[in-house]
Amino acid sequence: MSEAGRTTMGEAGRTTMGEAGRTAMSGTAGAKPEHEFHLPVAPWRRPPGAAAGVSEQILAADGSGTHTTALVRWEPGTDTSPSGVVRHDGWEEVYLLEGSMRDLTLGETFSRGFYACRPPGMPHGPWVSEEGVTMLVITYPDATAGR
């Protein structure tokens, strides 16, 4: 395909994007930068206010930090009980990649392959992870906020 904004197969089978598509992806509020497949190089850091044993590696974020994609890792024995039940101002999507975590409120353990999509204000946790867990976490603001 050669129309602007459409994804096409470029040289050596690599996927390329037309100029209009690239602009739409990177030139709007809340947009993350364009990244083709690569190995993440961002450092693992403890997020502000996170429980001991929690670290994240930001894969992509917009300029405001409200749209993020991150790998989040909990070391074995991580316990978020001191934080109690948590609620966020924006959306949060979580996909468990490996390990497991136990929701102390629900009394259920979730492991690799489980997915959560939490709207703003949804209560969740606290959590304990005996073996540790690694998850993909995507956050973004409530689209209806400020309307």
C-alpha atoms as a PDB file:
ATOM      1  CA  MET A   1       0.000   0.000   0.000  1.00  0.00           C
ATOM      2  CA  SER A   2       1.315   3.426  -0.776  1.00  0.00           C
ATOM      3  CA  GLU A   3      -1.310   5.781   0.601  1.00  0.00           C
ATOM      4  CA  ALA A   4      -0.021   8.208   3.243  1.00  0.00           C
ATOM      5  CA  GLY A   5      -0.891   7.077   6.729  1.00  0.00           C
ATOM      6  CA  ARG A   6      -1.149   3.399   5.818  1.00  0.00           C
ATOM      7  CA  THR A   7       1.234   0.759   7.079  1.00  0.00           C
ATOM      8  CA  THR A   8       3.241  -0.832   4.261  1.00  0.00           C
ATOM      9  CA  MET A   9       5.946  -3.428   3.863  1.00  0.00           C
ATOM     10  CA  GLY A  10       9.205  -1.609   3.194  1.00  0.00           C
ATOM     11  CA  GLU A  11      12.668  -2.806   2.268  1.00  0.00           C
ATOM     12  CA  ALA A  12      13.666  -6.202   3.638  1.00  0.00           C
ATOM     13  CA  GLY A  13      10.094  -6.801   4.827  1.00  0.00           C
ATOM     14  CA  ARG A  14      10.295  -4.128   7.513  1.00  0.00           C
ATOM     15  CA  THR A  15       6.985  -2.438   8.295  1.00  0.00           C
ATOM     16  CA  THR A  16       6.960   1.278   7.551  1.00  0.00           C
ATOM     17  CA  MET A  17       4.349   3.916   8.147  1.00  0.00           C
ATOM     18  CA  GLY A  18       3.342   6.742   5.827  1.00  0.00           C
ATOM     19  CA  GLU A  19       3.970  10.348   6.883  1.00  0.00           C
ATOM     20  CA  ALA A  20       0.337  11.043   7.811  1.00  0.00           C
ATOM     21  CA  GLY A  21       0.260   7.989  10.067  1.00  0.00           C
ATOM     22  CA  ARG A  22       3.545   8.971  11.712  1.00  0.00           C
ATOM     23  CA  THR A  23       2.232  12.488  12.358  1.00  0.00           C
ATOM     24  CA  ALA A  24      -1.023  11.154  13.772  1.00  0.00           C
ATOM     25  CA  MET A  25       0.908   8.864  16.120  1.00  0.00           C
ATOM     26  CA  SER A  26       3.452  11.397  17.332  1.00  0.00           C
ATOM     27  CA  GLY A  27       1.936  14.821  16.802  1.00  0.00           C
ATOM     28  CA  THR A  28      -1.139  14.718  19.022  1.00  0.00           C
ATOM     29  CA  ALA A  29      -1.656  15.353  22.705  1.00  0.00           C
ATOM     30  CA  GLY A  30      -1.124  12.203  24.721  1.00  0.00           C
ATOM     31  CA  ALA A  31       0.757  10.480  21.926  1.00  0.00           C
ATOM     32  CA  LYS A  32       3.802   8.388  22.706  1.00  0.00           C
ATOM     33  CA  PRO A  33       6.950   8.486  20.570  1.00  0.00           C
ATOM     34  CA  GLU A  34       7.267   6.144  17.628  1.00  0.00           C
ATOM     35  CA  HIS A  35       9.444   3.085  18.363  1.00  0.00           C
ATOM     36  CA  GLU A  36      10.017   0.094  16.084  1.00  0.00           C
ATOM     37  CA  PHE A  37      11.040  -3.197  17.705  1.00  0.00           C
ATOM     38  CA  HIS A  38      14.021  -2.672  19.988  1.00  0.00           C
ATOM     39  CA  LEU A  39      15.382  -3.891  23.280  1.00  0.00           C
ATOM     40  CA  PRO A  40      14.311  -1.548  26.087  1.00  0.00           C
ATOM     41  CA  VAL A  41      17.225   0.384  27.557  1.00  0.00           C
ATOM     42  CA  ALA A  42      15.500   2.484  30.230  1.00  0.00           C
ATOM     43  CA  PRO A  43      16.728   1.756  33.749  1.00  0.00           C
ATOM     44  CA  TRP A  44      14.619  -0.127  36.274  1.00  0.00           C
ATOM     45  CA  ARG A  45      13.525   2.345  38.974  1.00  0.00           C
ATOM     46  CA  ARG A  46      11.311   2.328  42.036  1.00  0.00           C
ATOM     47  CA  PRO A  47       8.211   4.434  41.232  1.00  0.00           C
ATOM     48  CA  PRO A  48       7.434   7.244  43.698  1.00  0.00           C
ATOM     49  CA  GLY A  49       5.330   5.920  46.579  1.00  0.00           C
ATOM     50  CA  ALA A  50       5.699   2.281  45.503  1.00  0.00           C
ATOM     51  CA  ALA A  51       6.143  -0.526  48.022  1.00  0.00           C
ATOM     52  CA  ALA A  52       9.600  -1.913  48.692  1.00  0.00           C
ATOM     53  CA  GLY A  53      10.491  -4.492  46.047  1.00  0.00           C
ATOM     54  CA  VAL A  54       8.570  -2.783  43.224  1.00  0.00           C
ATOM     55  CA  SER A  55      10.446  -1.450  40.183  1.00  0.00           C
ATOM     56  CA  GLU A  56       9.421  -0.341  36.712  1.00  0.00           C
ATOM     57  CA  GLN A  57      11.014   0.095  33.314  1.00  0.00           C
ATOM     58  CA  ILE A  58       9.221   2.707  31.202  1.00  0.00           C
ATOM     59  CA  LEU A  59       8.859   1.460  27.626  1.00  0.00           C
ATOM     60  CA  ALA A  60       7.021   4.510  26.256  1.00  0.00           C
ATOM     61  CA  ALA A  61       5.456   7.654  27.680  1.00  0.00           C
ATOM     62  CA  ASP A  62       3.949  10.838  26.364  1.00  0.00           C
ATOM     63  CA  GLY A  63       5.364  14.212  27.364  1.00  0.00           C
ATOM     64  CA  SER A  64       2.948  14.620  30.270  1.00  0.00           C
ATOM     65  CA  GLY A  65       3.536  11.170  31.739  1.00  0.00           C
ATOM     66  CA  THR A  66      -0.197  10.406  31.761  1.00  0.00           C
ATOM     67  CA  HIS A  67       0.028   7.862  28.927  1.00  0.00           C
ATOM     68  CA  THR A  68       2.609   5.227  29.850  1.00  0.00           C
ATOM     69  CA  THR A  69       3.563   1.689  28.940  1.00  0.00           C
ATOM     70  CA  ALA A  70       5.857  -0.005  31.442  1.00  0.00           C
ATOM     71  CA  LEU A  71       7.187  -3.317  32.619  1.00  0.00           C
ATOM     72  CA  VAL A  72       6.604  -3.569  36.363  1.00  0.00           C
ATOM     73  CA  ARG A  73       8.471  -6.101  38.472  1.00  0.00           C
ATOM     74  CA  TRP A  74       7.729  -7.138  42.027  1.00  0.00           C
ATOM     75  CA  GLU A  75      10.483  -9.011  43.833  1.00  0.00           C
ATOM     76  CA  PRO A  76       9.551 -12.181  45.751  1.00  0.00           C
ATOM     77  CA  GLY A  77       7.873 -11.299  49.045  1.00  0.00           C
ATOM     78  CA  THR A  78       6.538  -7.909  47.902  1.00  0.00           C
ATOM     79  CA  ASP A  79       3.584  -6.835  50.076  1.00  0.00           C
ATOM     80  CA  THR A  80       1.528  -3.721  49.295  1.00  0.00           C
ATOM     81  CA  SER A  81      -0.631  -4.039  52.453  1.00  0.00           C
ATOM     82  CA  PRO A  82       0.744  -0.815  53.998  1.00  0.00           C
ATOM     83  CA  SER A  83      -0.763   1.115  51.048  1.00  0.00           C
ATOM     84  CA  GLY A  84      -4.157  -0.548  51.515  1.00  0.00           C
ATOM     85  CA  VAL A  85      -6.734  -0.529  48.721  1.00  0.00           C
ATOM     86  CA  VAL A  86      -5.580   1.642  45.793  1.00  0.00           C
ATOM     87  CA  ARG A  87      -7.523   3.811  43.317  1.00  0.00           C
ATOM     88  CA  HIS A  88      -6.080   5.689  40.325  1.00  0.00           C
ATOM     89  CA  ASP A  89      -7.248   8.881  38.597  1.00  0.00           C
ATOM     90  CA  GLY A  90      -6.815   7.330  35.142  1.00  0.00           C
ATOM     91  CA  TRP A  91      -7.232   4.005  33.370  1.00  0.00           C
ATOM     92  CA  GLU A  92      -4.871   1.124  34.121  1.00  0.00           C
ATOM     93  CA  GLU A  93      -4.454  -2.065  32.099  1.00  0.00           C
ATOM     94  CA  VAL A  94      -2.334  -4.887  33.498  1.00  0.00           C
ATOM     95  CA  TYR A  95      -1.209  -8.133  31.843  1.00  0.00           C
ATOM     96  CA  LEU A  96       0.745 -10.616  33.977  1.00  0.00           C
ATOM     97  CA  LEU A  97       3.792 -11.901  32.086  1.00  0.00           C
ATOM     98  CA  GLU A  98       5.282 -14.227  34.707  1.00  0.00           C
ATOM     99  CA  GLY A  99       4.965 -15.054  38.382  1.00  0.00           C
ATOM    100  CA  SER A 100       1.861 -14.468  40.481  1.00  0.00           C
ATOM    101  CA  MET A 101       0.228 -12.072  42.915  1.00  0.00           C
ATOM    102  CA  ARG A 102      -2.502 -12.551  45.521  1.00  0.00           C
ATOM    103  CA  ASP A 103      -5.273  -9.991  45.957  1.00  0.00           C
ATOM    104  CA  LEU A 104      -5.807  -9.846  49.726  1.00  0.00           C
ATOM    105  CA  THR A 105      -9.250  -8.222  49.392  1.00  0.00           C
ATOM    106  CA  LEU A 106     -10.609 -10.794  46.928  1.00  0.00           C
ATOM    107  CA  GLY A 107      -8.648 -13.719  48.388  1.00  0.00           C
ATOM    108  CA  GLU A 108      -7.609 -14.793  44.868  1.00  0.00           C
ATOM    109  CA  THR A 109      -4.250 -15.469  43.258  1.00  0.00           C
ATOM    110  CA  PHE A 110      -3.590 -14.358  39.679  1.00  0.00           C
ATOM    111  CA  SER A 111      -0.732 -15.647  37.530  1.00  0.00           C
ATOM    112  CA  ARG A 112       0.783 -15.505  34.027  1.00  0.00           C
ATOM    113  CA  GLY A 113      -1.791 -14.690  31.363  1.00  0.00           C
ATOM    114  CA  PHE A 114      -4.281 -12.878  33.601  1.00  0.00           C
ATOM    115  CA  TYR A 115      -5.430  -9.409  32.479  1.00  0.00           C
ATOM    116  CA  ALA A 116      -7.130  -6.495  34.245  1.00  0.00           C
ATOM    117  CA  CYS A 117      -8.666  -3.324  32.782  1.00  0.00           C
ATOM    118  CA  ARG A 118      -9.418  -0.842  35.553  1.00  0.00           C
ATOM    119  CA  PRO A 119     -11.392   2.348  34.990  1.00  0.00           C
ATOM    120  CA  PRO A 120     -10.557   5.484  37.002  1.00  0.00           C
ATOM    121  CA  GLY A 121     -11.426   5.087  40.678  1.00  0.00           C
ATOM    122  CA  MET A 122     -11.733   1.269  40.649  1.00  0.00           C
ATOM    123  CA  PRO A 123     -10.534  -0.089  44.006  1.00  0.00           C
ATOM    124  CA  HIS A 124      -7.967  -2.903  43.891  1.00  0.00           C
ATOM    125  CA  GLY A 125      -5.460  -4.587  46.174  1.00  0.00           C
ATOM    126  CA  PRO A 126      -3.680  -4.771  48.474  1.00  0.00           C
ATOM    127  CA  TRP A 127      -1.447  -7.463  47.022  1.00  0.00           C
ATOM    128  CA  VAL A 128       1.215  -9.949  48.081  1.00  0.00           C
ATOM    129  CA  SER A 129       3.582 -11.734  45.707  1.00  0.00           C
ATOM    130  CA  GLU A 130       5.385 -14.669  47.296  1.00  0.00           C
ATOM    131  CA  GLU A 131       7.311 -15.679  44.136  1.00  0.00           C
ATOM    132  CA  GLY A 132       7.510 -12.277  42.458  1.00  0.00           C
ATOM    133  CA  VAL A 133       5.671 -11.104  39.373  1.00  0.00           C
ATOM    134  CA  THR A 134       6.419  -9.208  36.163  1.00  0.00           C
ATOM    135  CA  MET A 135       3.624  -7.387  34.364  1.00  0.00           C
ATOM    136  CA  LEU A 136       2.971  -5.081  31.444  1.00  0.00           C
ATOM    137  CA  VAL A 137       1.141  -1.979  32.687  1.00  0.00           C
ATOM    138  CA  ILE A 138      -0.501   0.613  30.423  1.00  0.00           C
ATOM    139  CA  THR A 139      -1.971   3.790  31.915  1.00  0.00           C
ATOM    140  CA  TYR A 140      -3.878   6.655  30.344  1.00  0.00           C
ATOM    141  CA  PRO A 141      -6.181   9.449  31.565  1.00  0.00           C
ATOM    142  CA  ASP A 142      -9.949   9.335  31.740  1.00  0.00           C
ATOM    143  CA  ALA A 143     -11.167  10.634  28.354  1.00  0.00           C
ATOM    144  CA  THR A 144     -14.244  12.186  29.989  1.00  0.00           C
ATOM    145  CA  ALA A 145     -12.307  14.197  32.590  1.00  0.00           C
ATOM    146  CA  GLY A 146     -12.747  17.911  32.168  1.00  0.00           C
ATOM    147  CA  ARG A 147     -15.794  17.641  29.929  1.00  0.00           C
END
